N, C-alpha and C. Protein backbone atom coordinates (compact mmCIF):
# COMPACT_ATOMS: atom_id res chain seq x y z
N MET A 1 16.68 -26.76 -5.87
CA MET A 1 17.05 -27.73 -4.93
C MET A 1 16.83 -26.75 -3.49
N ARG A 2 16.29 -27.61 -2.69
CA ARG A 2 15.27 -27.17 -1.33
C ARG A 2 16.74 -27.13 -0.48
N ARG A 3 16.86 -26.12 0.45
CA ARG A 3 17.73 -26.05 1.46
C ARG A 3 17.38 -27.16 2.67
N PRO A 4 18.39 -27.85 2.90
CA PRO A 4 18.15 -29.09 3.99
C PRO A 4 17.72 -28.31 5.43
N THR A 5 16.99 -29.07 6.28
CA THR A 5 16.58 -28.60 7.45
C THR A 5 17.82 -28.65 8.63
N PRO A 6 18.36 -27.39 9.03
CA PRO A 6 19.49 -27.57 9.92
C PRO A 6 19.27 -28.01 11.29
N LEU A 7 19.82 -28.60 11.93
CA LEU A 7 19.94 -29.40 13.22
C LEU A 7 20.00 -28.05 13.93
N PRO A 8 19.04 -28.05 15.12
CA PRO A 8 19.35 -27.20 16.37
C PRO A 8 20.51 -27.22 16.90
N ALA A 9 21.29 -25.98 17.26
CA ALA A 9 22.14 -25.83 17.93
C ALA A 9 22.16 -25.71 19.10
N GLY A 10 22.87 -26.49 20.13
CA GLY A 10 22.77 -26.39 21.52
C GLY A 10 23.40 -25.28 21.98
N PRO A 11 23.50 -25.10 23.65
CA PRO A 11 24.39 -24.34 23.89
C PRO A 11 25.90 -24.54 23.68
N GLY A 12 26.52 -23.36 23.59
CA GLY A 12 28.04 -23.28 22.96
C GLY A 12 28.28 -24.05 21.67
N GLN A 13 27.08 -24.24 20.83
CA GLN A 13 27.47 -24.84 19.42
C GLN A 13 26.95 -23.79 18.49
N GLU A 14 27.55 -24.12 17.38
CA GLU A 14 27.15 -23.28 15.94
C GLU A 14 26.47 -24.02 14.94
N SER A 15 25.71 -23.50 14.26
CA SER A 15 25.22 -24.29 13.06
C SER A 15 25.85 -23.83 11.89
N VAL A 16 26.09 -24.58 10.82
CA VAL A 16 26.88 -24.34 9.80
C VAL A 16 25.99 -23.64 8.76
N TRP A 17 24.73 -23.57 9.21
CA TRP A 17 23.55 -22.85 8.45
C TRP A 17 23.74 -21.49 8.65
N ASP A 18 24.40 -21.04 9.75
CA ASP A 18 24.25 -19.61 10.28
C ASP A 18 25.73 -19.11 9.59
N TYR A 19 26.47 -19.76 9.06
CA TYR A 19 27.76 -19.24 8.55
C TYR A 19 27.34 -18.51 7.23
N PRO A 20 28.36 -17.65 6.74
CA PRO A 20 27.89 -16.79 5.60
C PRO A 20 28.56 -17.28 4.31
N ARG A 21 27.76 -16.92 3.22
CA ARG A 21 28.47 -17.06 1.98
C ARG A 21 28.13 -15.90 1.18
N PRO A 22 29.51 -15.14 0.62
CA PRO A 22 30.79 -15.93 0.77
C PRO A 22 31.32 -16.06 2.01
N PRO A 23 32.33 -16.85 2.03
CA PRO A 23 32.99 -17.40 3.49
C PRO A 23 33.56 -16.24 3.97
N ARG A 24 33.58 -16.44 5.56
CA ARG A 24 34.58 -15.39 6.24
C ARG A 24 35.57 -16.04 6.88
N ILE A 25 36.71 -15.16 6.95
CA ILE A 25 37.87 -15.53 7.50
C ILE A 25 38.08 -15.06 9.05
N GLU A 26 38.56 -15.96 9.78
CA GLU A 26 38.74 -15.22 11.18
C GLU A 26 39.83 -16.03 12.15
N VAL A 27 40.61 -15.22 12.92
CA VAL A 27 41.69 -15.69 13.65
C VAL A 27 40.74 -16.07 14.94
N VAL A 28 41.04 -17.51 15.67
CA VAL A 28 40.26 -17.70 16.62
C VAL A 28 41.56 -18.13 17.80
N ASP A 29 41.21 -18.06 18.96
CA ASP A 29 41.83 -18.73 20.12
C ASP A 29 41.65 -19.82 20.54
N ARG A 30 42.07 -20.93 19.73
CA ARG A 30 41.90 -22.43 19.81
C ARG A 30 43.11 -22.95 19.74
N HIS A 31 43.28 -24.11 20.65
CA HIS A 31 44.50 -24.97 20.49
C HIS A 31 44.23 -26.12 19.17
N VAL A 32 45.00 -25.99 18.20
CA VAL A 32 45.07 -26.93 16.96
C VAL A 32 46.46 -27.68 17.11
N ARG A 33 46.14 -28.89 16.83
CA ARG A 33 47.42 -30.09 16.68
C ARG A 33 46.84 -30.84 15.60
N VAL A 34 48.14 -31.32 14.97
CA VAL A 34 47.92 -31.98 13.81
C VAL A 34 49.11 -33.35 14.09
N GLU A 35 48.58 -34.42 13.90
CA GLU A 35 49.68 -35.67 14.12
C GLU A 35 49.28 -36.67 13.27
N VAL A 36 50.78 -37.40 12.70
CA VAL A 36 50.73 -38.40 12.09
C VAL A 36 51.61 -39.54 12.79
N GLY A 37 50.79 -40.58 12.97
CA GLY A 37 51.68 -41.81 13.76
C GLY A 37 52.12 -41.40 15.09
N GLY A 38 51.24 -40.39 15.66
CA GLY A 38 51.78 -40.11 17.06
C GLY A 38 53.02 -38.71 17.00
N LEU A 39 53.32 -38.53 15.86
CA LEU A 39 54.19 -37.43 15.56
C LEU A 39 53.47 -36.21 15.28
N VAL A 40 53.98 -35.06 16.07
CA VAL A 40 53.19 -33.63 15.83
C VAL A 40 53.92 -32.79 14.73
N VAL A 41 52.76 -32.67 13.77
CA VAL A 41 53.23 -32.13 12.45
C VAL A 41 52.79 -30.70 12.44
N ALA A 42 51.92 -30.31 13.35
CA ALA A 42 51.50 -28.70 13.64
C ALA A 42 50.99 -28.61 14.96
N ASP A 43 51.12 -27.51 15.43
CA ASP A 43 50.82 -27.12 16.74
C ASP A 43 50.51 -25.62 16.92
N THR A 44 49.42 -25.19 16.96
CA THR A 44 49.28 -23.75 17.07
C THR A 44 48.06 -23.31 18.30
N ARG A 45 48.28 -21.98 18.67
CA ARG A 45 47.03 -21.43 19.48
C ARG A 45 46.67 -20.17 19.04
N ALA A 46 46.65 -19.98 17.46
CA ALA A 46 46.12 -18.94 16.61
C ALA A 46 45.75 -19.32 15.29
N PRO A 47 45.23 -20.44 14.98
CA PRO A 47 44.83 -20.76 13.91
C PRO A 47 43.73 -19.71 13.11
N ILE A 48 43.88 -19.82 11.88
CA ILE A 48 42.77 -19.10 10.92
C ILE A 48 41.63 -19.98 10.57
N ARG A 49 40.30 -19.84 11.03
CA ARG A 49 39.14 -20.76 10.20
C ARG A 49 38.56 -20.24 9.31
N ILE A 50 37.99 -20.82 8.43
CA ILE A 50 37.19 -20.52 7.29
C ILE A 50 35.64 -20.82 7.67
N LEU A 51 34.65 -20.10 7.67
CA LEU A 51 33.29 -20.34 7.91
C LEU A 51 32.52 -20.24 6.56
N GLU A 52 31.93 -21.28 6.07
CA GLU A 52 31.26 -21.05 4.88
C GLU A 52 29.99 -22.01 5.16
N THR A 53 28.74 -21.27 4.65
CA THR A 53 27.57 -22.02 4.66
C THR A 53 27.40 -23.55 4.43
N SER A 54 26.88 -24.24 5.12
CA SER A 54 26.74 -25.67 4.83
C SER A 54 28.26 -26.54 5.30
N HIS A 55 29.22 -25.80 5.40
CA HIS A 55 30.68 -26.63 5.76
C HIS A 55 31.00 -26.59 7.25
N PRO A 56 31.55 -27.45 7.66
CA PRO A 56 32.15 -27.13 9.00
C PRO A 56 33.52 -26.63 8.83
N PRO A 57 34.03 -25.66 9.81
CA PRO A 57 34.99 -24.79 9.54
C PRO A 57 36.17 -25.76 9.17
N THR A 58 37.25 -24.95 8.22
CA THR A 58 38.37 -25.32 8.13
C THR A 58 39.48 -24.56 8.58
N TYR A 59 40.49 -25.28 9.19
CA TYR A 59 41.37 -24.69 10.07
C TYR A 59 42.68 -24.67 9.24
N TYR A 60 43.36 -23.27 9.18
CA TYR A 60 44.40 -23.11 8.65
C TYR A 60 45.79 -22.94 9.61
N ILE A 61 46.96 -23.21 9.38
CA ILE A 61 47.96 -23.25 10.59
C ILE A 61 48.98 -22.05 9.90
N ASN A 62 49.72 -21.19 10.57
CA ASN A 62 50.72 -20.37 10.29
C ASN A 62 51.99 -21.40 9.88
N PRO A 63 52.54 -21.34 8.99
CA PRO A 63 53.77 -22.18 8.49
C PRO A 63 54.75 -22.19 9.66
N ASN A 64 54.93 -21.11 10.44
CA ASN A 64 56.13 -21.11 11.73
C ASN A 64 55.64 -22.11 12.74
N ASP A 65 54.31 -22.65 12.70
CA ASP A 65 53.72 -23.76 13.72
C ASP A 65 53.61 -24.78 13.00
N VAL A 66 54.25 -25.13 11.87
CA VAL A 66 54.23 -26.41 11.26
C VAL A 66 55.63 -26.88 10.97
N GLU A 67 55.91 -28.21 11.36
CA GLU A 67 57.09 -28.82 10.80
C GLU A 67 57.32 -29.01 9.51
N LEU A 68 57.73 -28.00 8.88
CA LEU A 68 57.78 -28.07 7.47
C LEU A 68 58.74 -29.17 6.78
N GLY A 69 59.63 -29.60 7.34
CA GLY A 69 60.49 -30.29 7.05
C GLY A 69 59.84 -31.72 6.71
N LEU A 70 58.68 -32.02 7.40
CA LEU A 70 57.85 -33.27 7.32
C LEU A 70 56.96 -33.06 5.88
N LEU A 71 56.90 -31.89 5.16
CA LEU A 71 55.97 -31.72 3.97
C LEU A 71 56.66 -31.81 2.76
N GLN A 72 56.04 -32.24 1.67
CA GLN A 72 57.00 -32.57 0.39
C GLN A 72 55.79 -32.20 -0.61
N ALA A 73 56.05 -31.14 -1.36
CA ALA A 73 55.21 -30.42 -2.27
C ALA A 73 54.87 -31.68 -3.31
N VAL A 74 53.82 -31.79 -3.92
CA VAL A 74 53.28 -32.75 -4.94
C VAL A 74 52.73 -31.77 -6.16
N PRO A 75 52.86 -32.56 -7.48
CA PRO A 75 52.34 -31.81 -8.42
C PRO A 75 50.80 -31.90 -8.46
N GLY A 76 50.13 -30.92 -9.13
CA GLY A 76 48.82 -30.87 -9.29
C GLY A 76 47.92 -29.69 -8.17
N GLY A 77 46.94 -29.21 -8.29
CA GLY A 77 46.22 -28.40 -7.61
C GLY A 77 44.70 -28.39 -7.87
N THR A 78 44.02 -27.51 -6.90
CA THR A 78 42.85 -27.16 -7.20
C THR A 78 42.22 -25.77 -7.14
N TYR A 79 41.38 -25.57 -7.47
CA TYR A 79 41.10 -24.13 -7.64
C TYR A 79 39.77 -23.81 -6.54
N CYS A 80 39.65 -22.89 -5.92
CA CYS A 80 38.60 -22.62 -5.10
C CYS A 80 38.03 -21.08 -5.61
N GLU A 81 36.72 -21.03 -5.83
CA GLU A 81 36.06 -19.86 -6.32
C GLU A 81 36.43 -18.54 -5.48
N TRP A 82 36.58 -18.70 -4.02
CA TRP A 82 36.91 -17.79 -3.07
C TRP A 82 38.43 -17.48 -2.79
N LYS A 83 38.92 -18.50 -2.74
CA LYS A 83 40.45 -18.38 -2.23
C LYS A 83 41.39 -18.63 -3.28
N GLY A 84 41.20 -19.05 -4.52
CA GLY A 84 42.11 -19.26 -5.64
C GLY A 84 42.91 -20.49 -5.68
N GLU A 85 44.01 -20.50 -6.43
CA GLU A 85 44.62 -21.82 -6.45
C GLU A 85 45.32 -22.42 -5.47
N ALA A 86 45.06 -23.71 -5.16
CA ALA A 86 45.72 -24.55 -3.87
C ALA A 86 46.82 -25.65 -4.36
N ALA A 87 47.90 -25.35 -3.58
CA ALA A 87 48.79 -26.23 -3.99
C ALA A 87 48.85 -27.46 -2.74
N TYR A 88 49.41 -28.68 -3.04
CA TYR A 88 49.25 -29.93 -2.14
C TYR A 88 50.45 -30.27 -1.47
N PHE A 89 50.49 -31.06 -0.37
CA PHE A 89 51.62 -31.65 0.00
C PHE A 89 51.40 -32.94 0.77
N ASP A 90 52.44 -33.85 0.55
CA ASP A 90 52.43 -35.20 1.39
C ASP A 90 53.05 -34.87 2.51
N VAL A 91 52.67 -35.57 3.62
CA VAL A 91 53.31 -35.43 5.02
C VAL A 91 54.04 -36.89 4.90
N VAL A 92 55.41 -36.53 5.16
CA VAL A 92 56.49 -37.77 5.25
C VAL A 92 56.81 -37.98 6.57
N VAL A 93 56.77 -39.06 7.21
CA VAL A 93 57.08 -39.33 8.42
C VAL A 93 57.87 -40.45 8.55
N PRO A 94 58.86 -40.90 9.35
CA PRO A 94 59.65 -42.12 9.18
C PRO A 94 58.78 -43.41 8.95
N ASP A 95 57.38 -43.63 9.38
CA ASP A 95 56.73 -44.57 9.18
C ASP A 95 56.30 -44.74 8.11
N GLY A 96 56.26 -43.69 7.19
CA GLY A 96 55.61 -43.73 5.89
C GLY A 96 55.26 -42.38 5.18
N ARG A 97 54.29 -42.25 4.22
CA ARG A 97 53.99 -40.98 3.65
C ARG A 97 52.38 -40.94 3.57
N VAL A 98 51.73 -39.65 4.08
CA VAL A 98 50.41 -39.58 3.56
C VAL A 98 50.35 -38.70 2.46
N GLU A 99 49.48 -39.10 1.57
CA GLU A 99 49.47 -38.50 0.28
C GLU A 99 48.55 -37.33 0.15
N ARG A 100 48.72 -36.17 -0.20
CA ARG A 100 47.91 -34.91 -0.22
C ARG A 100 47.15 -34.61 0.95
N ALA A 101 47.81 -34.56 2.05
CA ALA A 101 47.30 -34.55 3.33
C ALA A 101 47.12 -32.92 3.70
N ALA A 102 47.74 -32.07 3.13
CA ALA A 102 47.93 -30.66 3.49
C ALA A 102 47.85 -29.87 2.04
N TRP A 103 47.50 -28.51 2.39
CA TRP A 103 47.29 -27.84 1.15
C TRP A 103 47.46 -26.13 1.69
N TRP A 104 47.75 -25.32 0.89
CA TRP A 104 47.80 -24.23 0.95
C TRP A 104 47.70 -23.24 -0.13
N TYR A 105 47.49 -21.75 -0.13
CA TYR A 105 47.41 -21.04 -1.10
C TYR A 105 48.56 -19.92 -1.21
N GLU A 106 49.29 -20.21 -2.19
CA GLU A 106 50.40 -19.34 -2.55
C GLU A 106 50.13 -17.97 -2.78
N GLU A 107 49.09 -17.58 -3.36
CA GLU A 107 48.66 -15.98 -3.97
C GLU A 107 47.03 -16.20 -3.65
N PRO A 108 46.56 -16.12 -2.43
CA PRO A 108 45.01 -16.33 -2.23
C PRO A 108 44.40 -15.16 -2.57
N THR A 109 43.26 -15.14 -3.14
CA THR A 109 42.63 -13.96 -3.54
C THR A 109 41.91 -13.02 -2.52
N GLY A 110 41.64 -11.64 -2.90
CA GLY A 110 40.88 -11.13 -2.50
C GLY A 110 41.02 -11.03 -0.91
N ASP A 111 39.88 -11.10 -0.14
CA ASP A 111 39.59 -11.30 1.39
C ASP A 111 40.37 -12.24 1.96
N PHE A 112 40.92 -13.35 1.16
CA PHE A 112 41.32 -14.32 1.93
C PHE A 112 43.20 -14.04 1.84
N ALA A 113 43.61 -13.08 1.65
CA ALA A 113 44.91 -12.93 1.63
C ALA A 113 45.83 -13.22 2.71
N ASP A 114 45.41 -13.20 3.92
CA ASP A 114 45.81 -13.65 5.19
C ASP A 114 46.25 -14.92 5.17
N LEU A 115 45.66 -15.92 4.28
CA LEU A 115 45.82 -17.38 4.24
C LEU A 115 46.96 -17.51 3.72
N LYS A 116 47.69 -16.78 3.04
CA LYS A 116 49.15 -16.93 2.05
C LYS A 116 49.79 -17.86 3.09
N HIS A 117 50.18 -18.97 2.31
CA HIS A 117 51.22 -20.24 2.85
C HIS A 117 50.67 -20.53 4.42
N HIS A 118 49.49 -20.27 4.85
CA HIS A 118 49.02 -21.18 6.05
C HIS A 118 48.36 -22.52 5.53
N LEU A 119 48.64 -23.39 6.21
CA LEU A 119 48.54 -24.71 5.85
C LEU A 119 47.35 -25.22 6.49
N ALA A 120 46.52 -26.09 5.58
CA ALA A 120 45.20 -26.73 6.18
C ALA A 120 45.55 -28.32 6.01
N PHE A 121 44.87 -29.07 6.91
CA PHE A 121 45.07 -30.51 6.90
C PHE A 121 43.61 -31.00 6.68
N TYR A 122 43.78 -32.28 5.89
CA TYR A 122 42.57 -33.07 5.90
C TYR A 122 42.39 -33.99 7.22
N PRO A 123 41.35 -34.06 7.86
CA PRO A 123 41.28 -34.72 9.04
C PRO A 123 41.06 -36.16 8.66
N ALA A 124 40.40 -36.34 7.54
CA ALA A 124 40.46 -37.85 7.21
C ALA A 124 41.71 -38.51 6.90
N LEU A 125 42.61 -37.92 6.83
CA LEU A 125 43.94 -38.40 6.50
C LEU A 125 44.90 -38.37 7.52
N VAL A 126 44.99 -37.37 8.40
CA VAL A 126 45.75 -37.19 9.56
C VAL A 126 44.97 -36.88 10.86
N ALA A 127 45.52 -37.32 11.94
CA ALA A 127 44.70 -36.97 13.25
C ALA A 127 44.82 -35.47 13.60
N CYS A 128 43.75 -34.72 13.63
CA CYS A 128 43.54 -33.48 14.23
C CYS A 128 42.78 -33.14 15.17
N PHE A 129 43.24 -32.37 16.06
CA PHE A 129 42.63 -31.93 17.37
C PHE A 129 42.21 -30.49 17.60
N ILE A 130 41.18 -30.20 18.13
CA ILE A 130 40.64 -28.83 18.64
C ILE A 130 40.52 -28.80 20.24
N ASP A 131 41.26 -28.03 20.68
CA ASP A 131 41.25 -28.13 22.18
C ASP A 131 41.02 -29.42 22.87
N GLY A 132 42.09 -30.27 22.33
CA GLY A 132 42.07 -32.06 22.73
C GLY A 132 41.13 -32.60 22.33
N GLU A 133 39.88 -32.47 21.46
CA GLU A 133 39.01 -32.97 20.84
C GLU A 133 39.21 -33.35 19.54
N ARG A 134 39.53 -34.76 19.63
CA ARG A 134 39.84 -35.29 17.96
C ARG A 134 38.66 -34.97 17.19
N VAL A 135 39.27 -34.39 15.90
CA VAL A 135 37.95 -33.90 14.93
C VAL A 135 37.79 -35.11 13.96
N GLN A 136 36.33 -34.87 13.68
CA GLN A 136 35.86 -35.95 12.65
C GLN A 136 35.87 -35.20 11.15
N PRO A 137 36.11 -35.97 10.17
CA PRO A 137 36.48 -35.20 9.01
C PRO A 137 34.87 -34.85 8.23
N GLN A 138 34.88 -34.00 7.38
CA GLN A 138 33.73 -33.68 6.66
C GLN A 138 33.43 -34.82 5.60
N PRO A 139 32.17 -35.03 5.47
CA PRO A 139 31.66 -36.17 4.74
C PRO A 139 32.37 -35.87 3.31
N GLY A 140 32.75 -36.92 2.59
CA GLY A 140 32.89 -37.12 1.25
C GLY A 140 34.59 -36.81 1.04
N LEU A 141 35.21 -36.75 -0.18
CA LEU A 141 36.38 -36.96 -0.15
C LEU A 141 37.20 -35.74 -0.78
N PHE A 142 36.35 -34.71 -1.01
CA PHE A 142 36.72 -33.44 -1.38
C PHE A 142 37.07 -32.37 -0.52
N TYR A 143 36.23 -32.06 0.44
CA TYR A 143 36.13 -30.96 1.28
C TYR A 143 37.19 -31.19 2.65
N GLY A 144 37.63 -30.34 3.48
CA GLY A 144 38.43 -30.52 4.43
C GLY A 144 38.10 -29.95 5.70
N GLY A 145 36.73 -29.98 5.78
CA GLY A 145 36.13 -29.26 7.03
C GLY A 145 36.46 -30.21 8.42
N TRP A 146 36.34 -29.47 9.36
CA TRP A 146 36.77 -30.06 10.74
C TRP A 146 35.24 -30.20 11.51
N ILE A 147 34.93 -31.54 11.66
CA ILE A 147 33.71 -31.37 12.60
C ILE A 147 34.11 -31.68 14.12
N THR A 148 33.66 -31.00 15.05
CA THR A 148 33.74 -31.13 16.46
C THR A 148 32.38 -31.01 16.82
N SER A 149 32.17 -31.37 18.52
CA SER A 149 31.28 -31.21 19.11
C SER A 149 30.50 -30.04 19.17
N ASP A 150 31.05 -28.74 18.68
CA ASP A 150 30.58 -27.37 19.13
C ASP A 150 30.17 -26.93 17.58
N VAL A 151 30.02 -27.74 16.60
CA VAL A 151 29.38 -27.33 15.34
C VAL A 151 28.40 -28.69 14.81
N VAL A 152 27.31 -28.16 14.51
CA VAL A 152 26.02 -28.97 13.76
C VAL A 152 25.96 -28.72 12.41
N GLY A 153 25.41 -29.66 11.82
CA GLY A 153 24.86 -29.66 10.52
C GLY A 153 23.48 -29.50 10.12
N PRO A 154 22.96 -30.34 8.88
CA PRO A 154 23.90 -31.38 8.43
C PRO A 154 24.96 -30.48 7.45
N PHE A 155 26.06 -31.36 7.10
CA PHE A 155 27.12 -30.95 6.45
C PHE A 155 27.23 -31.07 5.04
N LYS A 156 27.82 -30.31 4.10
CA LYS A 156 27.96 -30.49 2.56
C LYS A 156 28.88 -31.79 2.61
N GLY A 157 28.90 -32.51 1.61
CA GLY A 157 29.98 -33.43 1.15
C GLY A 157 29.43 -34.95 0.92
N GLU A 158 28.16 -35.13 1.42
CA GLU A 158 27.71 -36.46 1.15
C GLU A 158 27.16 -36.52 -0.02
N PRO A 159 26.81 -37.63 -0.75
CA PRO A 159 26.11 -37.62 -2.08
C PRO A 159 24.60 -36.97 -1.97
N GLY A 160 24.59 -36.09 -2.93
CA GLY A 160 23.35 -35.31 -3.10
C GLY A 160 23.43 -33.93 -2.49
N THR A 161 24.62 -33.64 -1.98
CA THR A 161 24.74 -32.38 -1.36
C THR A 161 25.37 -31.35 -2.29
N ASN A 162 25.85 -31.49 -3.45
CA ASN A 162 26.68 -30.65 -4.35
C ASN A 162 25.86 -29.30 -4.62
N PHE A 163 24.66 -29.24 -4.44
CA PHE A 163 24.14 -27.83 -4.90
C PHE A 163 23.40 -27.09 -3.81
N TRP A 164 24.02 -27.53 -2.44
CA TRP A 164 23.63 -26.77 -1.39
C TRP A 164 24.16 -25.53 -1.26
């Protein structure tokens, strides 16, 4: 499988093709907000982001910055080769329920221990913002990367990208 041609990064942009594999975890100074139906579900200025080759960053939020009363644990999970077992949550607001919109790692493995109980949200299912910019979801239905104007691809997730 041939590596795709990275798009050129402009001033102030990062290419996902410069991100490492295995992924890197880093705390960043960005304002991250998550909303459902105009209701703020999470708001932080110290998110953790994960950087992995070919993926837009995924942002994780400390549970102290999340309205945990709006989350309901649901059965089933997934496994990440780097982070371990993920557990999922529905977001429940007065106007309804967004199924499996968030996840966390109860016992993240190795270098990802700092992610314990930090929550990530799917921008395809809820409104996510970084420094006021509305996030676009990573392509496909599996990954939870956050695409903003400061990151360029191409991004893993579209059909035919499984082996990038």
